[in-house]
N, C-alpha and C. Protein backbone atom coordinates (compact mmCIF):
# COMPACT_ATOMS: atom_id res chain seq x y z
N MET A 1 -2.43 -26.26 13.85
CA MET A 1 -2.17 -25.11 14.68
C MET A 1 -2.13 -23.87 13.79
N ILE A 2 -2.75 -22.80 14.28
CA ILE A 2 -2.71 -21.52 13.59
C ILE A 2 -2.02 -20.54 14.53
N VAL A 3 -0.99 -19.89 14.05
CA VAL A 3 -0.28 -18.88 14.83
C VAL A 3 -0.35 -17.58 14.04
N ARG A 4 -0.82 -16.54 14.66
CA ARG A 4 -0.91 -15.24 14.01
C ARG A 4 -0.20 -14.20 14.87
N ASN A 5 0.62 -13.42 14.25
CA ASN A 5 1.25 -12.28 14.89
C ASN A 5 0.45 -11.03 14.54
N PHE A 6 0.39 -10.08 15.44
CA PHE A 6 -0.36 -8.86 15.18
C PHE A 6 0.14 -8.13 13.93
N ASN A 7 1.38 -8.38 13.53
CA ASN A 7 1.97 -7.70 12.37
C ASN A 7 2.01 -8.57 11.11
N ASP A 8 1.39 -9.74 11.14
CA ASP A 8 1.34 -10.59 9.94
C ASP A 8 0.54 -9.89 8.85
N PRO A 9 0.93 -10.07 7.59
CA PRO A 9 0.19 -9.46 6.49
C PRO A 9 -1.30 -9.80 6.50
N GLU A 10 -1.64 -11.04 6.88
CA GLU A 10 -3.06 -11.45 6.93
C GLU A 10 -3.84 -10.62 7.95
N VAL A 11 -3.17 -10.21 9.02
CA VAL A 11 -3.81 -9.40 10.05
C VAL A 11 -3.87 -7.94 9.60
N LEU A 12 -2.77 -7.42 9.09
CA LEU A 12 -2.71 -6.02 8.68
C LEU A 12 -3.74 -5.68 7.60
N GLN A 13 -4.01 -6.65 6.72
CA GLN A 13 -4.96 -6.36 5.63
C GLN A 13 -6.41 -6.34 6.10
N THR A 14 -6.66 -6.68 7.37
CA THR A 14 -8.03 -6.62 7.90
C THR A 14 -8.33 -5.27 8.56
N THR A 15 -7.42 -4.33 8.49
CA THR A 15 -7.57 -3.04 9.17
C THR A 15 -8.90 -2.36 8.79
N TYR A 16 -9.63 -1.91 9.80
CA TYR A 16 -10.89 -1.21 9.56
C TYR A 16 -11.14 -0.19 10.67
N ARG A 17 -12.05 0.72 10.44
CA ARG A 17 -12.44 1.74 11.42
C ARG A 17 -13.54 1.14 12.28
N ALA A 18 -13.31 1.05 13.58
CA ALA A 18 -14.26 0.41 14.49
C ALA A 18 -15.11 1.46 15.20
N HIS A 19 -16.37 1.51 14.86
CA HIS A 19 -17.36 2.35 15.54
C HIS A 19 -16.91 3.80 15.65
N TYR A 20 -16.33 4.29 14.58
CA TYR A 20 -15.98 5.71 14.37
C TYR A 20 -14.78 6.20 15.16
N GLY A 21 -14.23 5.43 16.09
CA GLY A 21 -13.18 6.00 16.93
C GLY A 21 -11.86 5.28 16.94
N ALA A 22 -11.86 4.00 16.63
CA ALA A 22 -10.65 3.19 16.77
C ALA A 22 -10.25 2.59 15.42
N THR A 23 -8.99 2.26 15.32
CA THR A 23 -8.50 1.45 14.20
C THR A 23 -8.38 0.03 14.73
N ALA A 24 -8.99 -0.92 14.05
CA ALA A 24 -9.01 -2.30 14.54
C ALA A 24 -8.50 -3.27 13.49
N ARG A 25 -8.05 -4.42 13.98
CA ARG A 25 -7.59 -5.50 13.10
C ARG A 25 -8.02 -6.84 13.67
N MET A 26 -8.43 -7.73 12.78
CA MET A 26 -8.83 -9.08 13.17
C MET A 26 -7.61 -9.99 13.18
N VAL A 27 -7.39 -10.66 14.29
CA VAL A 27 -6.26 -11.58 14.42
C VAL A 27 -6.69 -12.99 14.03
N LEU A 28 -7.79 -13.45 14.61
CA LEU A 28 -8.39 -14.74 14.27
C LEU A 28 -9.90 -14.55 14.16
N THR A 29 -10.53 -15.26 13.24
CA THR A 29 -11.96 -15.09 13.03
C THR A 29 -12.67 -16.44 13.00
N SER A 30 -13.99 -16.37 12.85
CA SER A 30 -14.80 -17.59 12.81
C SER A 30 -14.49 -18.43 11.57
N GLN A 31 -13.68 -17.92 10.68
CA GLN A 31 -13.21 -18.75 9.56
C GLN A 31 -12.46 -19.97 10.10
N PHE A 32 -11.80 -19.79 11.25
CA PHE A 32 -11.03 -20.88 11.87
C PHE A 32 -11.61 -21.31 13.21
N LEU A 33 -12.16 -20.37 13.96
CA LEU A 33 -12.62 -20.65 15.31
C LEU A 33 -13.95 -21.39 15.30
N LYS A 34 -14.15 -22.26 16.25
CA LYS A 34 -15.36 -23.09 16.30
C LYS A 34 -16.47 -22.47 17.15
N SER A 35 -16.15 -22.01 18.37
CA SER A 35 -17.19 -21.51 19.26
C SER A 35 -17.04 -20.02 19.56
N MET A 36 -16.10 -19.39 18.90
CA MET A 36 -15.86 -17.97 19.10
C MET A 36 -16.03 -17.24 17.78
N GLU A 37 -16.34 -15.96 17.87
CA GLU A 37 -16.50 -15.15 16.66
C GLU A 37 -15.16 -14.59 16.19
N PHE A 38 -14.39 -13.97 17.13
CA PHE A 38 -13.10 -13.41 16.71
C PHE A 38 -12.23 -13.02 17.89
N LEU A 39 -10.95 -12.84 17.60
CA LEU A 39 -9.99 -12.16 18.45
C LEU A 39 -9.47 -11.00 17.62
N ALA A 40 -9.58 -9.80 18.16
CA ALA A 40 -9.15 -8.60 17.44
C ALA A 40 -8.42 -7.68 18.41
N TYR A 41 -7.81 -6.65 17.84
CA TYR A 41 -7.30 -5.59 18.70
C TYR A 41 -7.65 -4.26 18.08
N ALA A 42 -7.81 -3.27 18.96
CA ALA A 42 -8.20 -1.93 18.53
C ALA A 42 -7.28 -0.91 19.17
N MET A 43 -6.93 0.11 18.39
CA MET A 43 -6.09 1.21 18.86
C MET A 43 -6.97 2.46 18.90
N LEU A 44 -7.14 3.00 20.09
CA LEU A 44 -8.03 4.14 20.31
C LEU A 44 -7.20 5.35 20.75
N PRO A 45 -6.99 6.32 19.85
CA PRO A 45 -6.17 7.48 20.21
C PRO A 45 -6.80 8.32 21.32
N ALA A 46 -5.96 9.08 21.99
CA ALA A 46 -6.42 9.99 23.05
C ALA A 46 -7.54 10.87 22.53
N GLY A 47 -8.60 10.99 23.32
CA GLY A 47 -9.72 11.83 22.95
C GLY A 47 -10.77 11.17 22.06
N ASN A 48 -10.45 10.01 21.49
CA ASN A 48 -11.40 9.33 20.60
C ASN A 48 -12.35 8.43 21.40
N VAL A 49 -13.46 8.09 20.75
CA VAL A 49 -14.50 7.27 21.38
C VAL A 49 -14.89 6.13 20.45
N ILE A 50 -14.97 4.93 20.98
CA ILE A 50 -15.66 3.84 20.30
C ILE A 50 -17.13 4.08 20.60
N GLU A 51 -17.86 4.56 19.61
CA GLU A 51 -19.25 4.99 19.82
C GLU A 51 -20.12 3.85 20.35
N GLU A 52 -21.16 4.22 21.07
CA GLU A 52 -22.07 3.23 21.62
C GLU A 52 -22.67 2.39 20.50
N HIS A 53 -22.65 1.09 20.72
CA HIS A 53 -23.18 0.15 19.74
C HIS A 53 -23.59 -1.13 20.46
N VAL A 54 -24.26 -2.00 19.73
CA VAL A 54 -24.73 -3.28 20.27
C VAL A 54 -24.23 -4.39 19.35
N ASP A 55 -23.71 -5.46 19.95
CA ASP A 55 -23.26 -6.63 19.19
C ASP A 55 -24.10 -7.83 19.59
N GLU A 56 -24.31 -8.73 18.65
CA GLU A 56 -25.10 -9.94 18.95
C GLU A 56 -24.27 -11.01 19.63
N VAL A 57 -22.96 -10.76 19.75
CA VAL A 57 -22.07 -11.71 20.42
C VAL A 57 -21.62 -11.13 21.76
N GLU A 58 -21.27 -12.02 22.67
CA GLU A 58 -20.70 -11.64 23.95
C GLU A 58 -19.26 -11.21 23.71
N GLU A 59 -18.79 -10.18 24.41
CA GLU A 59 -17.42 -9.72 24.20
C GLU A 59 -16.70 -9.52 25.52
N ILE A 60 -15.39 -9.57 25.43
CA ILE A 60 -14.51 -9.14 26.52
C ILE A 60 -13.56 -8.13 25.92
N TYR A 61 -13.48 -6.96 26.53
CA TYR A 61 -12.47 -5.96 26.19
C TYR A 61 -11.38 -6.09 27.26
N LEU A 62 -10.16 -6.30 26.83
CA LEU A 62 -9.02 -6.31 27.75
C LEU A 62 -8.18 -5.08 27.43
N ILE A 63 -8.06 -4.19 28.39
CA ILE A 63 -7.28 -2.97 28.19
C ILE A 63 -5.81 -3.32 28.38
N ALA A 64 -5.06 -3.42 27.28
CA ALA A 64 -3.65 -3.82 27.34
C ALA A 64 -2.74 -2.61 27.56
N GLN A 65 -3.23 -1.43 27.21
CA GLN A 65 -2.45 -0.20 27.38
C GLN A 65 -3.43 0.96 27.50
N GLY A 66 -3.11 1.91 28.33
CA GLY A 66 -3.95 3.10 28.44
C GLY A 66 -5.13 2.90 29.36
N GLY A 67 -6.26 3.45 28.96
CA GLY A 67 -7.46 3.36 29.78
C GLY A 67 -8.54 4.24 29.21
N GLY A 68 -9.54 4.52 30.04
CA GLY A 68 -10.62 5.37 29.59
C GLY A 68 -11.86 5.23 30.45
N LEU A 69 -12.97 5.63 29.87
CA LEU A 69 -14.26 5.55 30.53
C LEU A 69 -15.12 4.59 29.74
N MET A 70 -15.48 3.45 30.37
CA MET A 70 -16.24 2.39 29.72
C MET A 70 -17.67 2.45 30.19
N LYS A 71 -18.61 2.34 29.24
CA LYS A 71 -20.02 2.27 29.57
C LYS A 71 -20.58 0.97 29.01
N VAL A 72 -21.22 0.19 29.85
CA VAL A 72 -21.92 -1.03 29.44
C VAL A 72 -23.31 -0.94 30.04
N GLY A 73 -24.32 -0.95 29.15
CA GLY A 73 -25.69 -0.73 29.62
C GLY A 73 -25.79 0.65 30.23
N SER A 74 -26.26 0.75 31.47
CA SER A 74 -26.37 2.04 32.15
C SER A 74 -25.21 2.30 33.11
N GLU A 75 -24.29 1.33 33.21
CA GLU A 75 -23.14 1.48 34.11
C GLU A 75 -21.96 2.12 33.40
N GLU A 76 -21.27 3.02 34.09
CA GLU A 76 -20.09 3.67 33.56
C GLU A 76 -18.98 3.59 34.59
N LYS A 77 -17.78 3.17 34.16
CA LYS A 77 -16.64 3.04 35.09
C LYS A 77 -15.36 3.43 34.38
N ALA A 78 -14.43 3.98 35.17
CA ALA A 78 -13.08 4.22 34.66
C ALA A 78 -12.39 2.86 34.55
N VAL A 79 -11.65 2.66 33.45
CA VAL A 79 -10.90 1.42 33.25
C VAL A 79 -9.44 1.77 32.97
N LYS A 80 -8.56 0.81 33.30
CA LYS A 80 -7.12 1.05 33.15
C LYS A 80 -6.45 -0.22 32.63
N GLU A 81 -5.13 -0.11 32.42
CA GLU A 81 -4.37 -1.26 31.91
C GLU A 81 -4.65 -2.52 32.70
N TRP A 82 -4.86 -3.60 31.96
CA TRP A 82 -5.09 -4.96 32.45
C TRP A 82 -6.45 -5.16 33.08
N ASP A 83 -7.36 -4.20 32.90
CA ASP A 83 -8.75 -4.44 33.27
C ASP A 83 -9.42 -5.23 32.15
N ALA A 84 -10.23 -6.21 32.53
CA ALA A 84 -11.02 -6.98 31.57
C ALA A 84 -12.49 -6.63 31.82
N ILE A 85 -13.19 -6.27 30.76
CA ILE A 85 -14.58 -5.85 30.86
C ILE A 85 -15.46 -6.84 30.11
N TRP A 86 -16.43 -7.42 30.80
CA TRP A 86 -17.36 -8.35 30.16
C TRP A 86 -18.54 -7.57 29.62
N ILE A 87 -18.88 -7.83 28.36
CA ILE A 87 -20.00 -7.16 27.70
C ILE A 87 -20.97 -8.24 27.24
N PRO A 88 -22.13 -8.35 27.88
CA PRO A 88 -23.10 -9.36 27.46
C PRO A 88 -23.61 -9.10 26.05
N ALA A 89 -23.97 -10.15 25.35
CA ALA A 89 -24.56 -10.02 24.01
C ALA A 89 -25.80 -9.14 24.09
N GLY A 90 -25.94 -8.23 23.13
CA GLY A 90 -27.11 -7.37 23.07
C GLY A 90 -27.08 -6.16 23.98
N GLU A 91 -26.00 -5.96 24.72
CA GLU A 91 -25.90 -4.84 25.67
C GLU A 91 -25.17 -3.66 25.00
N PRO A 92 -25.76 -2.47 25.01
CA PRO A 92 -25.06 -1.32 24.43
C PRO A 92 -23.78 -1.01 25.21
N HIS A 93 -22.73 -0.62 24.48
CA HIS A 93 -21.46 -0.32 25.14
C HIS A 93 -20.67 0.70 24.32
N ARG A 94 -19.77 1.41 25.03
CA ARG A 94 -18.91 2.41 24.41
C ARG A 94 -17.66 2.56 25.26
N LEU A 95 -16.59 3.07 24.65
CA LEU A 95 -15.34 3.32 25.37
C LEU A 95 -14.78 4.65 24.92
N GLU A 96 -14.54 5.54 25.87
CA GLU A 96 -13.92 6.84 25.60
C GLU A 96 -12.50 6.82 26.14
N ASN A 97 -11.54 7.16 25.29
CA ASN A 97 -10.16 7.28 25.76
C ASN A 97 -9.99 8.70 26.28
N ASN A 98 -10.06 8.83 27.60
CA ASN A 98 -9.88 10.14 28.23
C ASN A 98 -8.48 10.27 28.82
N THR A 99 -7.54 9.47 28.32
CA THR A 99 -6.15 9.56 28.77
C THR A 99 -5.37 10.43 27.80
N GLU A 100 -4.10 10.62 28.11
CA GLU A 100 -3.22 11.44 27.26
C GLU A 100 -2.58 10.63 26.13
N GLY A 101 -2.68 9.30 26.18
CA GLY A 101 -2.00 8.47 25.18
C GLY A 101 -2.94 7.49 24.50
N MET A 102 -2.34 6.62 23.71
CA MET A 102 -3.08 5.59 22.98
C MET A 102 -3.62 4.53 23.95
N THR A 103 -4.84 4.07 23.71
CA THR A 103 -5.39 2.93 24.44
C THR A 103 -5.45 1.76 23.46
N LEU A 104 -4.91 0.63 23.90
CA LEU A 104 -4.89 -0.59 23.09
C LEU A 104 -5.81 -1.61 23.76
N ILE A 105 -6.77 -2.11 22.99
CA ILE A 105 -7.78 -3.02 23.52
C ILE A 105 -7.72 -4.34 22.77
N LEU A 106 -7.66 -5.45 23.49
CA LEU A 106 -7.86 -6.76 22.89
C LEU A 106 -9.34 -7.07 23.01
N VAL A 107 -9.94 -7.57 21.94
CA VAL A 107 -11.37 -7.86 21.95
C VAL A 107 -11.57 -9.33 21.60
N VAL A 108 -12.22 -10.05 22.49
CA VAL A 108 -12.58 -11.44 22.25
C VAL A 108 -14.11 -11.48 22.16
N ALA A 109 -14.62 -12.10 21.11
CA ALA A 109 -16.06 -12.20 20.94
C ALA A 109 -16.44 -13.67 20.79
N ALA A 110 -17.50 -14.04 21.47
CA ALA A 110 -17.96 -15.43 21.43
C ALA A 110 -19.49 -15.46 21.41
N TYR A 111 -20.02 -16.55 20.90
CA TYR A 111 -21.47 -16.73 20.88
C TYR A 111 -21.94 -17.07 22.29
N PRO A 112 -23.06 -16.52 22.73
CA PRO A 112 -23.58 -16.85 24.07
C PRO A 112 -23.92 -18.35 24.15
N LYS A 113 -23.75 -18.90 25.35
CA LYS A 113 -24.17 -20.28 25.59
C LYS A 113 -25.68 -20.35 25.49
N GLU A 114 -26.17 -21.45 25.00
CA GLU A 114 -27.63 -21.61 24.91
C GLU A 114 -28.15 -22.30 26.13
């Protein structure tokens, strides 16, 4: 069993800038996971944007706090706390925090089924 807390030293030392707008940390990675790429979380300050990008893995963004304007492909929708957004592998996506506070996103990434 592997148990990781968001504040564990192993997690904190993975801190990186995610797509120019968010601070992100890896909680669990493919170092341990078998069919998934990672579980991470990202903190997106008010007014910041996770710039449009494409990932080769399928992702789910779970908005744990805050909200914003999410774009996946050509679709754009307002998202709020506890919304889960499915992002297909290879689909361009971005998230703008247009709220007054911090937006916290849990990100789960997995390899597409063959």
